[in-house]
C-alpha atoms as a PDB file:
ATOM      1  CA  MET A   1     183.851 -33.790 128.738  1.00  0.00           C
ATOM      2  CA  SER A   2     187.390 -32.418 128.445  1.00  0.00           C
ATOM      3  CA  ALA A   3     188.671 -32.003 124.916  1.00  0.00           C
ATOM      4  CA  VAL A   4     191.745 -30.625 123.072  1.00  0.00           C
ATOM      5  CA  LYS A   5     191.514 -29.650 119.454  1.00  0.00           C
ATOM      6  CA  ALA A   6     194.322 -28.021 117.516  1.00  0.00           C
ATOM      7  CA  LEU A   7     193.718 -25.888 114.588  1.00  0.00           C
ATOM      8  CA  SER A   8     195.770 -25.990 111.370  1.00  0.00           C
ATOM      9  CA  ALA A   9     198.332 -28.328 112.870  1.00  0.00           C
ATOM     10  CA  ALA A  10     200.752 -28.043 110.050  1.00  0.00           C
ATOM     11  CA  ALA A  11     200.857 -24.220 110.083  1.00  0.00           C
ATOM     12  CA  LEU A  12     201.070 -24.054 113.928  1.00  0.00           C
ATOM     13  CA  GLY A  13     203.449 -26.782 114.362  1.00  0.00           C
ATOM     14  CA  LEU A  14     201.134 -28.496 116.891  1.00  0.00           C
ATOM     15  CA  ILE A  15     200.050 -31.921 117.480  1.00  0.00           C
ATOM     16  CA  ALA A  16     196.926 -32.167 119.614  1.00  0.00           C
ATOM     17  CA  SER A  17     195.135 -35.166 120.844  1.00  0.00           C
ATOM     18  CA  ALA A  18     191.324 -35.109 121.061  1.00  0.00           C
ATOM     19  CA  SER A  19     191.540 -37.947 123.723  1.00  0.00           C
ATOM     20  CA  ALA A  20     191.275 -37.324 127.505  1.00  0.00           C
ATOM     21  CA  GLY A  21     193.705 -38.612 130.059  1.00  0.00           C
ATOM     22  CA  ALA A  22     192.970 -39.887 133.546  1.00  0.00           C
ATOM     23  CA  GLY A  23     190.693 -37.659 135.592  1.00  0.00           C
ATOM     24  CA  GLY A  24     189.374 -35.862 132.499  1.00  0.00           C
ATOM     25  CA  MET A  25     192.623 -33.842 131.972  1.00  0.00           C
ATOM     26  CA  PRO A  26     193.364 -33.022 128.423  1.00  0.00           C
ATOM     27  CA  VAL A  27     196.370 -34.648 126.788  1.00  0.00           C
ATOM     28  CA  VAL A  28     198.407 -32.377 124.591  1.00  0.00           C
ATOM     29  CA  ALA A  29     201.642 -32.939 122.681  1.00  0.00           C
ATOM     30  CA  ALA A  30     202.718 -29.682 121.256  1.00  0.00           C
ATOM     31  CA  ALA A  31     205.772 -28.682 119.383  1.00  0.00           C
ATOM     32  CA  PRO A  32     207.395 -25.454 120.580  1.00  0.00           C
ATOM     33  CA  ALA A  33     205.918 -22.332 119.132  1.00  0.00           C
ATOM     34  CA  ALA A  34     207.992 -21.193 116.096  1.00  0.00           C
ATOM     35  CA  THR A  35     209.778 -17.909 116.375  1.00  0.00           C
ATOM     36  CA  GLY A  36     207.577 -15.108 114.983  1.00  0.00           C
ATOM     37  CA  ALA A  37     204.322 -17.140 115.552  1.00  0.00           C
ATOM     38  CA  ALA A  38     201.117 -15.222 115.168  1.00  0.00           C
ATOM     39  CA  ARG A  39     200.013 -13.215 118.058  1.00  0.00           C
ATOM     40  CA  PRO A  40     196.481 -13.839 119.591  1.00  0.00           C
ATOM     41  CA  ALA A  41     193.762 -12.283 117.496  1.00  0.00           C
ATOM     42  CA  ALA A  42     191.955 -10.989 120.562  1.00  0.00           C
ATOM     43  CA  HIS A  43     192.082  -7.321 119.471  1.00  0.00           C
ATOM     44  CA  ASP A  44     190.312  -8.156 116.237  1.00  0.00           C
ATOM     45  CA  PRO A  45     186.814  -9.438 117.121  1.00  0.00           C
ATOM     46  CA  ALA A  46     185.925 -10.890 113.712  1.00  0.00           C
ATOM     47  CA  GLN A  47     189.172 -12.702 113.471  1.00  0.00           C
ATOM     48  CA  LEU A  48     188.929 -13.944 116.947  1.00  0.00           C
ATOM     49  CA  ALA A  49     185.251 -15.118 116.479  1.00  0.00           C
ATOM     50  CA  GLU A  50     186.258 -17.156 113.473  1.00  0.00           C
ATOM     51  CA  MET A  51     189.215 -18.765 115.358  1.00  0.00           C
ATOM     52  CA  LEU A  52     186.906 -19.685 118.268  1.00  0.00           C
ATOM     53  CA  ALA A  53     184.360 -21.187 115.914  1.00  0.00           C
ATOM     54  CA  ARG A  54     186.989 -23.424 114.313  1.00  0.00           C
ATOM     55  CA  ALA A  55     188.315 -24.541 117.679  1.00  0.00           C
ATOM     56  CA  ALA A  56     184.877 -25.157 119.257  1.00  0.00           C
ATOM     57  CA  PRO A  57     182.542 -26.108 116.360  1.00  0.00           C
ATOM     58  CA  SER A  58     179.838 -27.293 118.868  1.00  0.00           C
ATOM     59  CA  ALA A  59     179.504 -23.769 120.412  1.00  0.00           C
ATOM     60  CA  ASP A  60     177.080 -21.303 119.072  1.00  0.00           C
ATOM     61  CA  ARG A  61     178.674 -18.851 116.634  1.00  0.00           C
ATOM     62  CA  THR A  62     176.660 -15.944 117.823  1.00  0.00           C
ATOM     63  CA  VAL A  63     177.715 -16.513 121.421  1.00  0.00           C
ATOM     64  CA  LEU A  64     181.374 -16.694 120.242  1.00  0.00           C
ATOM     65  CA  GLN A  65     181.045 -13.470 118.213  1.00  0.00           C
ATOM     66  CA  LEU A  66     179.725 -11.701 121.397  1.00  0.00           C
ATOM     67  CA  ALA A  67     182.533 -13.097 123.475  1.00  0.00           C
ATOM     68  CA  ALA A  68     185.113 -11.933 120.943  1.00  0.00           C
ATOM     69  CA  LYS A  69     183.484  -8.440 120.895  1.00  0.00           C
ATOM     70  CA  ALA A  70     183.520  -8.246 124.738  1.00  0.00           C
ATOM     71  CA  MET A  71     187.135  -9.411 124.886  1.00  0.00           C
ATOM     72  CA  SER A  72     188.199  -6.877 122.182  1.00  0.00           C
ATOM     73  CA  CYS A  73     186.587  -4.137 124.264  1.00  0.00           C
ATOM     74  CA  ALA A  74     187.961  -5.394 127.576  1.00  0.00           C
ATOM     75  CA  LEU A  75     191.491  -5.235 126.147  1.00  0.00           C
ATOM     76  CA  ARG A  76     191.059  -1.457 125.591  1.00  0.00           C
ATOM     77  CA  ARG A  77     190.868  -1.115 129.391  1.00  0.00           C
ATOM     78  CA  PRO A  78     194.307  -2.051 130.914  1.00  0.00           C
ATOM     79  CA  ASP A  79     192.800  -1.703 134.410  1.00  0.00           C
ATOM     80  CA  PHE A  80     190.696  -4.740 133.731  1.00  0.00           C
ATOM     81  CA  GLY A  81     193.814  -6.897 133.682  1.00  0.00           C
ATOM     82  CA  VAL A  82     192.689  -9.280 130.867  1.00  0.00           C
ATOM     83  CA  ASP A  83     195.181 -11.552 129.323  1.00  0.00           C
ATOM     84  CA  PRO A  84     194.838 -11.481 125.432  1.00  0.00           C
ATOM     85  CA  ALA A  85     195.956 -15.094 125.185  1.00  0.00           C
ATOM     86  CA  ARG A  86     193.195 -16.841 127.227  1.00  0.00           C
ATOM     87  CA  LEU A  87     189.420 -16.825 127.203  1.00  0.00           C
ATOM     88  CA  SER A  88     186.584 -18.942 128.636  1.00  0.00           C
ATOM     89  CA  VAL A  89     182.929 -18.785 127.298  1.00  0.00           C
ATOM     90  CA  ILE A  90     179.941 -20.139 129.168  1.00  0.00           C
ATOM     91  CA  ASP A  91     176.650 -20.423 127.307  1.00  0.00           C
ATOM     92  CA  TYR A  92     173.922 -20.368 129.848  1.00  0.00           C
ATOM     93  CA  SER A  93     171.297 -20.687 127.157  1.00  0.00           C
ATOM     94  CA  ARG A  94     172.058 -24.412 126.985  1.00  0.00           C
ATOM     95  CA  PRO A  95     170.770 -26.920 129.526  1.00  0.00           C
ATOM     96  CA  SER A  96     172.917 -27.956 132.314  1.00  0.00           C
ATOM     97  CA  THR A  97     172.874 -31.543 131.032  1.00  0.00           C
ATOM     98  CA  GLU A  98     175.068 -30.451 128.092  1.00  0.00           C
ATOM     99  CA  PRO A  99     178.632 -29.280 128.015  1.00  0.00           C
ATOM    100  CA  ARG A 100     178.370 -25.373 127.902  1.00  0.00           C
ATOM    101  CA  MET A 101     181.740 -24.102 128.941  1.00  0.00           C
ATOM    102  CA  TRP A 102     184.755 -23.775 126.700  1.00  0.00           C
ATOM    103  CA  VAL A 103     188.276 -22.737 127.595  1.00  0.00           C
ATOM    104  CA  PHE A 104     190.610 -21.563 124.764  1.00  0.00           C
ATOM    105  CA  ASP A 105     194.266 -20.996 124.557  1.00  0.00           C
ATOM    106  CA  LEU A 106     194.261 -18.137 121.971  1.00  0.00           C
ATOM    107  CA  SER A 107     198.052 -18.057 121.470  1.00  0.00           C
ATOM    108  CA  ARG A 108     197.882 -21.534 120.133  1.00  0.00           C
ATOM    109  CA  GLN A 109     194.426 -21.395 118.783  1.00  0.00           C
ATOM    110  CA  THR A 110     193.478 -24.441 120.765  1.00  0.00           C
ATOM    111  CA  LEU A 111     190.435 -25.560 122.720  1.00  0.00           C
ATOM    112  CA  LEU A 112     191.612 -26.730 126.179  1.00  0.00           C
ATOM    113  CA  PHE A 113     188.342 -27.720 127.790  1.00  0.00           C
ATOM    114  CA  GLU A 114     184.678 -28.326 126.802  1.00  0.00           C
ATOM    115  CA  GLU A 115     182.909 -28.818 130.153  1.00  0.00           C
ATOM    116  CA  TRP A 116     179.696 -29.125 132.065  1.00  0.00           C
ATOM    117  CA  VAL A 117     179.086 -26.119 134.496  1.00  0.00           C
ATOM    118  CA  ALA A 118     176.534 -25.653 137.143  1.00  0.00           C
ATOM    119  CA  HIS A 119     174.405 -22.514 137.699  1.00  0.00           C
ATOM    120  CA  GLY A 120     172.907 -20.935 140.820  1.00  0.00           C
ATOM    121  CA  ARG A 121     170.137 -22.837 142.514  1.00  0.00           C
ATOM    122  CA  ASN A 122     167.711 -19.846 142.083  1.00  0.00           C
ATOM    123  CA  SER A 123     168.482 -19.435 138.465  1.00  0.00           C
ATOM    124  CA  GLY A 124     166.480 -22.372 137.252  1.00  0.00           C
ATOM    125  CA  GLY A 125     166.264 -26.088 137.103  1.00  0.00           C
ATOM    126  CA  ASN A 126     167.985 -27.610 134.008  1.00  0.00           C
ATOM    127  CA  ARG A 127     167.777 -24.331 132.259  1.00  0.00           C
ATOM    128  CA  THR A 128     169.364 -21.231 133.570  1.00  0.00           C
ATOM    129  CA  GLU A 129     166.568 -18.507 133.297  1.00  0.00           C
ATOM    130  CA  HIS A 130     167.223 -16.017 136.106  1.00  0.00           C
ATOM    131  CA  PHE A 131     170.342 -13.902 136.918  1.00  0.00           C
ATOM    132  CA  SER A 132     171.318 -11.579 139.676  1.00  0.00           C
ATOM    133  CA  ASN A 133     174.119  -9.332 140.889  1.00  0.00           C
ATOM    134  CA  ARG A 134     172.758  -9.273 144.426  1.00  0.00           C
ATOM    135  CA  ASP A 135     174.307 -10.879 147.331  1.00  0.00           C
ATOM    136  CA  GLY A 136     172.119 -13.673 148.786  1.00  0.00           C
ATOM    137  CA  SER A 137     170.299 -14.168 145.582  1.00  0.00           C
ATOM    138  CA  PHE A 138     171.899 -17.548 144.900  1.00  0.00           C
ATOM    139  CA  MET A 139     171.679 -16.778 141.274  1.00  0.00           C
ATOM    140  CA  SER A 140     174.347 -16.789 138.426  1.00  0.00           C
ATOM    141  CA  SER A 141     175.552 -13.589 136.996  1.00  0.00           C
ATOM    142  CA  LEU A 142     175.992 -12.635 133.266  1.00  0.00           C
ATOM    143  CA  GLY A 143     178.689 -10.859 131.501  1.00  0.00           C
ATOM    144  CA  ALA A 144     182.527 -10.663 131.367  1.00  0.00           C
ATOM    145  CA  PHE A 145     184.682 -11.402 134.400  1.00  0.00           C
ATOM    146  CA  THR A 146     188.555 -11.396 134.840  1.00  0.00           C
ATOM    147  CA  ALA A 147     189.878 -14.616 136.385  1.00  0.00           C
ATOM    148  CA  LYS A 148     192.028 -13.468 139.299  1.00  0.00           C
ATOM    149  CA  GLU A 149     193.784 -15.367 142.142  1.00  0.00           C
ATOM    150  CA  THR A 150     193.330 -18.938 143.429  1.00  0.00           C
ATOM    151  CA  TYR A 151     192.808 -19.960 147.070  1.00  0.00           C
ATOM    152  CA  MET A 152     191.742 -22.940 149.117  1.00  0.00           C
ATOM    153  CA  GLY A 153     188.328 -22.507 150.644  1.00  0.00           C
ATOM    154  CA  GLY A 154     185.223 -24.476 151.691  1.00  0.00           C
ATOM    155  CA  ASN A 155     184.948 -25.916 148.157  1.00  0.00           C
ATOM    156  CA  GLY A 156     188.633 -26.698 147.855  1.00  0.00           C
ATOM    157  CA  TYR A 157     190.805 -25.162 145.134  1.00  0.00           C
ATOM    158  CA  SER A 158     188.973 -22.111 143.914  1.00  0.00           C
ATOM    159  CA  LEU A 159     189.324 -19.164 141.462  1.00  0.00           C
ATOM    160  CA  ARG A 160     188.120 -15.700 142.296  1.00  0.00           C
ATOM    161  CA  LEU A 161     186.172 -13.738 139.597  1.00  0.00           C
ATOM    162  CA  GLU A 162     186.225  -9.931 139.180  1.00  0.00           C
ATOM    163  CA  GLY A 163     183.075  -8.698 137.456  1.00  0.00           C
ATOM    164  CA  LEU A 164     183.695  -6.198 134.733  1.00  0.00           C
ATOM    165  CA  GLU A 165     180.067  -5.175 134.067  1.00  0.00           C
ATOM    166  CA  PRO A 166     178.388  -2.606 136.439  1.00  0.00           C
ATOM    167  CA  GLY A 167     174.982  -3.586 137.459  1.00  0.00           C
ATOM    168  CA  PHE A 168     175.309  -7.131 136.169  1.00  0.00           C
ATOM    169  CA  ASN A 169     178.306  -8.766 137.752  1.00  0.00           C
ATOM    170  CA  ASP A 170     180.516  -6.210 139.582  1.00  0.00           C
ATOM    171  CA  ASN A 171     179.437  -7.645 142.890  1.00  0.00           C
ATOM    172  CA  ALA A 172     180.950 -10.928 142.015  1.00  0.00           C
ATOM    173  CA  ARG A 173     183.900 -10.682 144.392  1.00  0.00           C
ATOM    174  CA  ASP A 174     181.806  -9.615 147.304  1.00  0.00           C
ATOM    175  CA  ARG A 175     179.439 -12.411 146.617  1.00  0.00           C
ATOM    176  CA  ALA A 176     182.179 -14.934 146.392  1.00  0.00           C
ATOM    177  CA  ILE A 177     181.240 -15.958 143.016  1.00  0.00           C
ATOM    178  CA  VAL A 178     184.157 -18.211 142.074  1.00  0.00           C
ATOM    179  CA  ILE A 179     185.056 -21.228 139.927  1.00  0.00           C
ATOM    180  CA  HIS A 180     185.437 -24.412 141.992  1.00  0.00           C
ATOM    181  CA  GLY A 181     184.944 -28.142 141.750  1.00  0.00           C
ATOM    182  CA  ALA A 182     181.848 -29.853 142.979  1.00  0.00           C
ATOM    183  CA  PRO A 183     180.629 -33.371 143.224  1.00  0.00           C
ATOM    184  CA  TYR A 184     177.121 -32.302 142.150  1.00  0.00           C
ATOM    185  CA  VAL A 185     178.631 -31.482 138.708  1.00  0.00           C
ATOM    186  CA  ASN A 186     178.209 -35.035 137.511  1.00  0.00           C
ATOM    187  CA  PRO A 187     176.898 -35.770 133.973  1.00  0.00           C
ATOM    188  CA  THR A 188     175.858 -39.340 134.965  1.00  0.00           C
ATOM    189  CA  PHE A 189     173.768 -38.041 137.945  1.00  0.00           C
ATOM    190  CA  ALA A 190     172.398 -35.294 135.551  1.00  0.00           C
ATOM    191  CA  ARG A 191     171.131 -37.765 133.126  1.00  0.00           C
ATOM    192  CA  MET A 192     169.263 -39.658 135.925  1.00  0.00           C
ATOM    193  CA  GLN A 193     167.674 -36.624 137.554  1.00  0.00           C
ATOM    194  CA  GLY A 194     167.373 -34.405 134.385  1.00  0.00           C
ATOM    195  CA  ARG A 195     169.801 -31.673 135.530  1.00  0.00           C
ATOM    196  CA  LEU A 196     173.110 -31.000 137.158  1.00  0.00           C
ATOM    197  CA  GLY A 197     173.300 -30.195 140.850  1.00  0.00           C
ATOM    198  CA  ARG A 198     173.190 -26.453 141.484  1.00  0.00           C
ATOM    199  CA  SER A 199     175.540 -23.948 143.280  1.00  0.00           C
ATOM    200  CA  LEU A 200     174.887 -20.845 145.317  1.00  0.00           C
ATOM    201  CA  GLY A 201     175.675 -18.850 142.169  1.00  0.00           C
ATOM    202  CA  CYS A 202     179.106 -20.087 141.227  1.00  0.00           C
ATOM    203  CA  PRO A 203     179.996 -21.572 137.856  1.00  0.00           C
ATOM    204  CA  ALA A 204     180.985 -24.927 139.541  1.00  0.00           C
ATOM    205  CA  VAL A 205     182.757 -27.646 137.417  1.00  0.00           C
ATOM    206  CA  ARG A 206     183.597 -31.413 137.801  1.00  0.00           C
ATOM    207  CA  LEU A 207     186.065 -32.198 140.509  1.00  0.00           C
ATOM    208  CA  THR A 208     188.200 -34.153 138.132  1.00  0.00           C
ATOM    209  CA  VAL A 209     188.865 -31.117 135.889  1.00  0.00           C
ATOM    210  CA  ALA A 210     188.646 -28.286 138.458  1.00  0.00           C
ATOM    211  CA  LYS A 211     192.391 -27.823 139.112  1.00  0.00           C
ATOM    212  CA  PRO A 212     193.714 -27.966 135.555  1.00  0.00           C
ATOM    213  CA  LEU A 213     190.822 -25.809 134.311  1.00  0.00           C
ATOM    214  CA  ILE A 214     191.349 -23.267 137.091  1.00  0.00           C
ATOM    215  CA  ASP A 215     195.064 -23.205 136.524  1.00  0.00           C
ATOM    216  CA  SER A 216     194.389 -22.491 132.786  1.00  0.00           C
ATOM    217  CA  LEU A 217     192.400 -19.412 133.717  1.00  0.00           C
ATOM    218  CA  ARG A 218     194.007 -17.924 136.837  1.00  0.00           C
ATOM    219  CA  GLY A 219     195.760 -14.608 136.576  1.00  0.00           C
ATOM    220  CA  GLY A 220     193.967 -12.865 133.811  1.00  0.00           C
ATOM    221  CA  ALA A 221     191.776 -14.950 131.528  1.00  0.00           C
ATOM    222  CA  MET A 222     188.467 -13.451 130.563  1.00  0.00           C
ATOM    223  CA  VAL A 223     185.408 -15.496 131.463  1.00  0.00           C
ATOM    224  CA  PHE A 224     182.413 -14.517 129.363  1.00  0.00           C
ATOM    225  CA  ALA A 225     178.931 -15.794 130.639  1.00  0.00           C
ATOM    226  CA  TYR A 226     176.157 -15.468 128.135  1.00  0.00           C
ATOM    227  CA  TYR A 227     172.348 -15.695 128.169  1.00  0.00           C
ATOM    228  CA  PRO A 228     170.068 -13.831 125.678  1.00  0.00           C
ATOM    229  CA  ASP A 229     168.981 -11.414 128.372  1.00  0.00           C
ATOM    230  CA  LYS A 230     167.624  -8.253 126.661  1.00  0.00           C
ATOM    231  CA  ASP A 231     168.533  -5.906 129.376  1.00  0.00           C
ATOM    232  CA  TRP A 232     172.084  -7.089 129.521  1.00  0.00           C
ATOM    233  CA  LEU A 233     172.580  -7.265 125.721  1.00  0.00           C
ATOM    234  CA  ALA A 234     171.245  -3.703 125.432  1.00  0.00           C
ATOM    235  CA  ARG A 235     173.206  -2.152 128.240  1.00  0.00           C
ATOM    236  CA  SER A 236     176.664  -4.048 128.332  1.00  0.00           C
ATOM    237  CA  ARG A 237     179.280  -1.496 127.521  1.00  0.00           C
ATOM    238  CA  LEU A 238     181.495  -4.366 126.353  1.00  0.00           C
ATOM    239  CA  LEU A 239     178.992  -5.176 123.629  1.00  0.00           C
ATOM    240  CA  GLU A 240     178.559  -1.607 122.342  1.00  0.00           C
ATOM    241  CA  PRO A 241     180.057  -0.743 118.959  1.00  0.00           C
ATOM    242  CA  ASP A 242     182.427   1.846 120.467  1.00  0.00           C
ATOM    243  CA  CYS A 243     183.084  -0.234 123.570  1.00  0.00           C
ATOM    244  CA  GLY A 244     181.063   2.344 125.604  1.00  0.00           C
ATOM    245  CA  GLY A 245     183.708   4.903 124.803  1.00  0.00           C
ATOM    246  CA  SER A 246     186.448   2.954 126.651  1.00  0.00           C
ATOM    247  CA  THR A 247     189.963   3.620 125.499  1.00  0.00           C
ATOM    248  CA  GLY A 248     193.235   2.094 126.331  1.00  0.00           C
END
C-alpha cells in the first residue's frame, strides 16, 4: 500500500491526496513551499518523533522515537552523508503480511510510502526473528543505513545501502544488501501462503513501487531498520544518550 498524507495542510500550503495512482505510485498535488518554510526537525529527536507519528499514525511510536534519535545522532557525523530531509523506517517486529516500511519527506512533513517489505530467507517465516551482519547468512540486518547510489543489477533498478552500525550492518555493501523490487513481494500471494516471499537479506519491495520509492531515498536518505533485539538496542551508538560521543 502506497500512501501520501499531508500534515497541517493549511499551515504548510500543501494539498496531498491519500489515493494511489497507477502502479501504486503516490499522487501528490503540492503548492510550492513558502519562502521561509520551517526546516526539517531532524536535529531535534523529540520534535521529529512527533512529526513522524502524525504523518504515519499506523506506525509504532516507540519505533519512530528510536528512528528519530538515530537520525539526530547520525546528523552529528557529516561523514555518514545523511540527508536531514529524508527518512525511511522499517519495523521488522511486524509480520511480513503487513505494511511495515514508511518513507517520509521531512521537509514537507509528509508520508510518501507505506509499504510491504521482505526480509532475508534465514531471518524467519512471516516473522523476522534472526539478524546477521555476516556475508552468506541470507539474513536481514538491523540498524541505520545511508541510502547511496542506484544501479541496474540482477534484480533490476536497485539502491545500495551503507551500514552505519559496526558489528550490526557495516558489511551491508560487501553483502550487496540493497533495496530492489521483487515479484515475491506480493500482498495477495502473502495472504494465500501466510507470508511474503523472502530475499537473500535485502529489504525488497513491490515491483510497482520500487523505482519511485528508490528515487525518493537515493543519495542520502537514512533507512532505519528496527527489531527489539536486546544486543543491538544496548550497543547501538546511534541510540546512546550522547550519540556514542559522536560530534559534528
